[in-house]
Structure formats: C-alpha cells, structure tokens
C-alpha cells in the first residue's frame, strides 16, 4: 500500500496583514511585527497567528510505495503559493494514497483549506466522499484524540532514538525565511516527514501490522533510500539516527 506523509511550513501572510490592518505604508518586517503584537494582545503570551493569516511557503512529502521510499519538497524559490498548493493536490491525486501527518488536523489541513479558497484552487478529488477517512493525524491517534495528551514530534522522535528536529524549530520559520531563504525551511520540513513516517512504522508494529522483522526491513529501506540521495541534511539525519 502507498502512503504519503506531508508537512507544510508557513510564514505570516504579509499582504493579508496589510489588508486587514490597513498597514500599507509599512515594510514586510514591520507588518509582521504588528501582526505578532496583535496576536500577543489576544492571547497574552503567544505570537502564533490565527490560521487564516499563515502563508504556505513549503510543502514536503515522503512516499512509501511499491518502488520504495522517497522524500521531496514540492516548492522552489520561484513557486508562488497558489502553484505550490496546486502541486500538492496534484501529487496526492496522482498517488491516490492515504495521507498521514503530525498535527495535520489542527494546523496543516485547515491552513491548506483557507489558502486554497484564497487562491481559487480546484481539488474535487480531495473532498470526495470516499476519501474523507484517509487522512489520519498520527499525533491525534497516539493522544487518543485528547488535546491535553498530545506531545511534540521533536521530543517524541528523540525518545525513540530518532534525530528529531535538527535544523529549525517552527517558531523560527519567519526569521529563517527572512535571513536564509527557503532552503533551510525545506530541508527541515523534509526531515520532519521522515521522522513522522518512522514514528508511524513504530505505531504499525504496535498495532500488529508489522512484525519485528518487517519493522526492521522498513527502517532499512528508509535508511537505504536516504543514503542514495547523498544530500547533506539526509546524511546528517542518518548519522544522528541511533536506532
């Protein structure tokens, strides 16, 4: 069976902030600062923007199918947000496979929905009735669908002997985007989908869907696929993977 793990990364929707708060004379950085300030006023301690004010700058996926395992990002430096979102829907249409995420139900999917409407995206197959139950959120399943019981992927991955978040925490995406561009964001997102897939394999072993030997074989397949890529961030991931 084919399965796709996906992760979006976002930055503040600067143009949206300008429009909503009438900040037309301010720079991008100044608009973002106003948006963060207003959010702190609403929450008293958090700058995490409401989901409709996130702009998607990167989408990474991993794919496990009959051809093996691979990880890739769908964006490049010239890719507009609408085009990136359409690439995502086209990719999942092509694979016609279950989608797996970590925190997808309370972040990735809602942001995708809002931004899709903003750009007039068409994705009829994504909303087909028969596809409604094929988008599991691994975090929610492990937490028993209790918001009080969920845990950070980074910390839980490390407990399992996985590298966790090696490059960038999510609260640093905007600063990283401003100072270093998309490369670090894309590579961090790729590592996140690999971590998520490997946690999923352990979950499949727990469910009895994989034997101990089958689990080891799947992990070896991931290791081999990452080694063949010969990319610095994937090699560093492999070096830090203790299992």
Protein backbone atom coordinates (compact mmCIF):
# COMPACT_ATOMS: atom_id res chain seq x y z
CA UNK A 1 0.00 0.00 0.00
CA UNK A 2 1.15 3.51 -0.79
CA UNK A 3 1.19 6.09 1.97
CA UNK A 4 2.14 9.77 1.86
CA UNK A 5 3.36 11.80 4.82
CA UNK A 6 3.17 15.56 4.36
CA UNK A 7 4.13 18.73 6.20
CA UNK A 8 3.55 22.39 5.40
CA UNK A 9 5.68 25.28 6.64
CA UNK A 10 4.27 28.77 6.88
CA UNK A 11 5.22 32.40 7.30
CA UNK A 12 2.99 35.39 8.11
CA UNK A 13 0.63 36.41 5.30
CA UNK A 14 2.08 39.90 4.97
CA UNK A 15 -0.33 41.05 2.27
CA UNK A 16 -3.24 39.74 4.31
CA UNK A 17 -1.97 41.64 7.34
CA UNK A 18 -1.63 44.83 5.30
CA UNK A 19 -5.18 44.48 4.05
CA UNK A 20 -6.83 43.59 7.37
CA UNK A 21 -4.99 46.13 9.49
CA UNK A 22 -4.51 48.88 6.87
CA UNK A 23 -0.71 48.84 7.12
CA UNK A 24 0.02 49.83 3.54
CA UNK A 25 2.94 52.15 4.37
CA UNK A 26 4.91 49.64 6.45
CA UNK A 27 7.67 47.23 5.40
CA UNK A 28 7.15 43.46 5.45
CA UNK A 29 9.05 43.19 8.72
CA UNK A 30 7.01 45.96 10.31
CA UNK A 31 3.73 44.40 9.16
CA UNK A 32 4.76 41.06 10.64
CA UNK A 33 5.68 42.73 13.92
CA UNK A 34 2.26 44.36 14.09
CA UNK A 35 0.59 41.01 13.39
CA UNK A 36 2.60 39.32 16.14
CA UNK A 37 1.85 42.18 18.54
CA UNK A 38 -1.88 41.96 17.91
CA UNK A 39 -1.77 38.22 18.46
CA UNK A 40 0.06 38.67 21.77
CA UNK A 41 -2.69 41.05 22.83
CA UNK A 42 -5.31 38.40 22.02
CA UNK A 43 -3.54 35.52 23.75
CA UNK A 44 -1.42 37.36 26.37
CA UNK A 45 1.61 35.17 25.62
CA UNK A 46 1.65 33.68 22.11
CA UNK A 47 2.63 35.09 18.73
CA UNK A 48 1.20 32.09 16.89
CA UNK A 49 -1.04 33.70 14.30
CA UNK A 50 -4.58 32.64 13.56
CA UNK A 51 -4.58 30.05 10.80
CA UNK A 52 -6.03 32.27 8.07
CA UNK A 53 -3.01 34.57 8.45
CA UNK A 54 -0.44 31.89 7.62
CA UNK A 55 1.06 31.79 4.11
CA UNK A 56 2.37 28.42 2.96
CA UNK A 57 5.98 28.67 1.84
CA UNK A 58 6.95 24.98 1.74
CA UNK A 59 5.30 21.57 1.44
CA UNK A 60 7.37 18.42 1.84
CA UNK A 61 6.22 14.84 1.41
CA UNK A 62 7.55 11.35 1.86
CA UNK A 63 6.16 8.50 -0.20
CA UNK A 64 6.28 4.79 0.55
CA UNK A 65 5.04 2.73 -2.38
CA UNK A 66 5.96 -0.37 -4.38
CA UNK A 67 9.02 1.47 -5.70
CA UNK A 68 10.41 2.07 -2.21
CA UNK A 69 10.71 5.24 -0.12
CA UNK A 70 11.46 8.81 -1.12
CA UNK A 71 11.27 12.27 0.36
CA UNK A 72 10.97 15.54 -1.54
CA UNK A 73 9.79 19.13 -1.38
CA UNK A 74 7.22 20.49 -3.80
CA UNK A 75 8.39 24.10 -3.71
CA UNK A 76 11.22 26.06 -5.27
CA UNK A 77 12.28 29.68 -4.92
CA UNK A 78 10.11 30.80 -7.85
CA UNK A 79 6.98 28.90 -6.82
CA UNK A 80 4.02 31.07 -5.84
CA UNK A 81 1.82 29.89 -3.00
CA UNK A 82 -1.15 29.02 -5.22
CA UNK A 83 1.05 26.97 -7.54
CA UNK A 84 2.61 25.17 -4.57
CA UNK A 85 -0.78 24.22 -3.16
CA UNK A 86 -1.95 23.00 -6.56
CA UNK A 87 1.19 20.87 -6.87
CA UNK A 88 0.30 19.26 -3.55
CA UNK A 89 -3.23 18.37 -4.63
CA UNK A 90 -1.96 17.12 -7.99
CA UNK A 91 0.60 14.91 -6.24
CA UNK A 92 -1.90 13.28 -3.92
CA UNK A 93 -4.30 12.80 -6.83
CA UNK A 94 -1.54 11.03 -8.76
CA UNK A 95 -0.75 8.66 -5.92
CA UNK A 96 -4.36 8.20 -4.75
CA UNK A 97 -2.98 7.19 -1.37
CA UNK A 98 -3.73 7.81 2.32
CA UNK A 99 -2.27 10.99 3.75
CA UNK A 100 -0.51 10.92 7.10
CA UNK A 101 0.50 13.94 9.16
CA UNK A 102 1.58 15.07 12.60
CA UNK A 103 -0.83 17.80 13.77
CA UNK A 104 -2.44 17.91 10.34
CA UNK A 105 -5.97 18.06 11.72
CA UNK A 106 -5.42 21.21 13.77
CA UNK A 107 -2.90 23.01 11.57
CA UNK A 108 -1.83 21.71 8.15
CA UNK A 109 -5.25 20.88 6.74
CA UNK A 110 -7.09 23.99 7.98
CA UNK A 111 -4.33 26.23 6.63
CA UNK A 112 -4.44 24.39 3.29
CA UNK A 113 -8.21 24.84 3.17
CA UNK A 114 -8.12 28.58 3.86
CA UNK A 115 -5.27 29.23 1.43
CA UNK A 116 -6.89 27.08 -1.25
CA UNK A 117 -10.01 29.22 -1.12
CA UNK A 118 -7.89 32.35 -1.24
CA UNK A 119 -6.21 31.21 -4.47
CA UNK A 120 -9.28 29.66 -6.10
CA UNK A 121 -7.78 26.17 -6.11
CA UNK A 122 -9.79 23.26 -7.51
CA UNK A 123 -9.32 19.92 -5.73
CA UNK A 124 -12.55 17.92 -6.16
CA UNK A 125 -10.95 14.53 -5.53
CA UNK A 126 -9.58 15.73 -2.21
CA UNK A 127 -13.12 16.37 -0.99
CA UNK A 128 -14.65 13.23 -2.50
CA UNK A 129 -16.86 11.40 -0.03
CA UNK A 130 -14.87 8.17 -0.27
CA UNK A 131 -11.68 9.99 0.73
CA UNK A 132 -12.98 11.53 3.94
CA UNK A 133 -11.39 8.94 6.23
CA UNK A 134 -7.93 8.58 4.68
CA UNK A 135 -6.13 11.48 6.32
CA UNK A 136 -5.02 10.24 9.74
CA UNK A 137 -3.27 12.58 12.15
CA UNK A 138 -0.68 10.43 13.92
CA UNK A 139 -0.42 12.87 16.82
CA UNK A 140 -4.17 12.70 17.43
CA UNK A 141 -4.26 8.90 17.24
CA UNK A 142 -1.44 8.48 19.73
CA UNK A 143 -3.02 11.04 22.06
CA UNK A 144 -6.40 9.32 21.92
CA UNK A 145 -7.77 12.48 20.28
CA UNK A 146 -7.21 14.42 23.51
CA UNK A 147 -5.64 17.85 23.14
CA UNK A 148 -4.29 17.52 26.68
CA UNK A 149 -2.38 14.35 25.79
CA UNK A 150 -0.54 15.32 22.62
CA UNK A 151 3.24 15.67 22.54
CA UNK A 152 5.77 17.45 20.29
CA UNK A 153 7.04 15.34 17.41
CA UNK A 154 10.58 16.54 18.04
CA UNK A 155 10.69 15.32 21.64
CA UNK A 156 8.89 12.04 21.00
CA UNK A 157 11.11 11.27 18.00
CA UNK A 158 14.19 11.74 20.18
CA UNK A 159 12.79 9.33 22.78
CA UNK A 160 12.51 6.72 20.02
CA UNK A 161 16.15 7.18 19.02
CA UNK A 162 15.34 9.37 16.01
CA UNK A 163 17.09 12.68 15.33
CA UNK A 164 14.05 14.86 15.89
CA UNK A 165 14.12 18.47 14.76
CA UNK A 166 17.75 19.02 13.79
CA UNK A 167 17.59 22.26 11.82
CA UNK A 168 14.85 24.64 12.86
CA UNK A 169 12.03 24.95 15.36
CA UNK A 170 8.67 26.06 13.96
CA UNK A 171 8.72 29.36 15.81
CA UNK A 172 11.88 30.27 13.87
CA UNK A 173 10.45 29.80 10.36
CA UNK A 174 9.82 33.52 9.78
CA UNK A 175 13.29 34.56 10.94
CA UNK A 176 14.84 31.77 8.89
CA UNK A 177 12.88 32.81 5.80
CA UNK A 178 13.97 36.44 6.17
CA UNK A 179 17.64 35.73 6.74
CA UNK A 180 18.34 32.48 4.89
CA UNK A 181 15.55 31.92 2.38
CA UNK A 182 13.70 28.69 1.76
CA UNK A 183 16.49 26.12 1.66
CA UNK A 184 16.74 25.56 5.40
CA UNK A 185 12.95 25.56 5.72
CA UNK A 186 12.57 22.93 3.01
CA UNK A 187 15.27 20.67 4.41
CA UNK A 188 13.85 20.93 7.95
CA UNK A 189 10.40 20.05 6.60
CA UNK A 190 11.82 17.02 4.77
CA UNK A 191 13.38 15.77 8.00
CA UNK A 192 10.04 16.21 9.75
CA UNK A 193 8.19 13.98 7.32
CA UNK A 194 10.90 11.34 7.68
CA UNK A 195 10.57 11.50 11.47
CA UNK A 196 6.79 11.23 11.18
CA UNK A 197 6.99 8.21 8.89
CA UNK A 198 9.40 6.42 11.22
CA UNK A 199 7.13 7.05 14.20
CA UNK A 200 4.30 5.68 12.06
CA UNK A 201 6.29 2.49 11.46
CA UNK A 202 6.65 2.01 15.21
CA UNK A 203 2.89 2.57 15.53
CA UNK A 204 2.24 -0.06 12.88
CA UNK A 205 4.39 -2.51 14.86
CA UNK A 206 2.37 -1.65 17.98
CA UNK A 207 -0.88 -2.37 16.08
CA UNK A 208 0.45 -5.74 14.91
CA UNK A 209 0.52 -4.63 11.28
CA UNK A 210 4.30 -5.13 11.15
CA UNK A 211 6.30 -7.92 12.74
CA UNK A 212 9.62 -7.11 14.38
CA UNK A 213 11.46 -8.29 11.26
CA UNK A 214 9.12 -6.37 8.94
CA UNK A 215 9.62 -3.23 11.01
CA UNK A 216 13.40 -3.61 10.75
CA UNK A 217 13.12 -4.15 6.99
CA UNK A 218 11.05 -0.96 6.58
CA UNK A 219 13.59 1.03 8.60
CA UNK A 220 16.40 -0.38 6.48
CA UNK A 221 14.52 0.65 3.34
CA UNK A 222 14.30 4.24 4.63
CA UNK A 223 17.99 4.26 5.55
CA UNK A 224 18.98 2.95 2.15
CA UNK A 225 16.79 5.47 0.31
CA UNK A 226 18.23 8.40 2.28
CA UNK A 227 21.78 7.19 1.72
CA UNK A 228 21.22 7.05 -2.03
CA UNK A 229 20.11 10.68 -2.09
CA UNK A 230 23.56 11.84 -0.94
CA UNK A 231 22.19 15.10 0.47
CA UNK A 232 23.88 16.77 3.41
CA UNK A 233 20.81 17.10 5.63
CA UNK A 234 19.77 13.50 4.99
CA UNK A 235 23.27 12.22 5.70
CA UNK A 236 23.29 14.19 8.97
CA UNK A 237 19.92 12.68 9.82
CA UNK A 238 21.31 9.19 9.21
CA UNK A 239 24.35 9.90 11.37
CA UNK A 240 22.11 11.04 14.24
CA UNK A 241 19.66 8.11 13.90
CA UNK A 242 20.73 5.81 16.72
CA UNK A 243 18.24 3.00 16.19
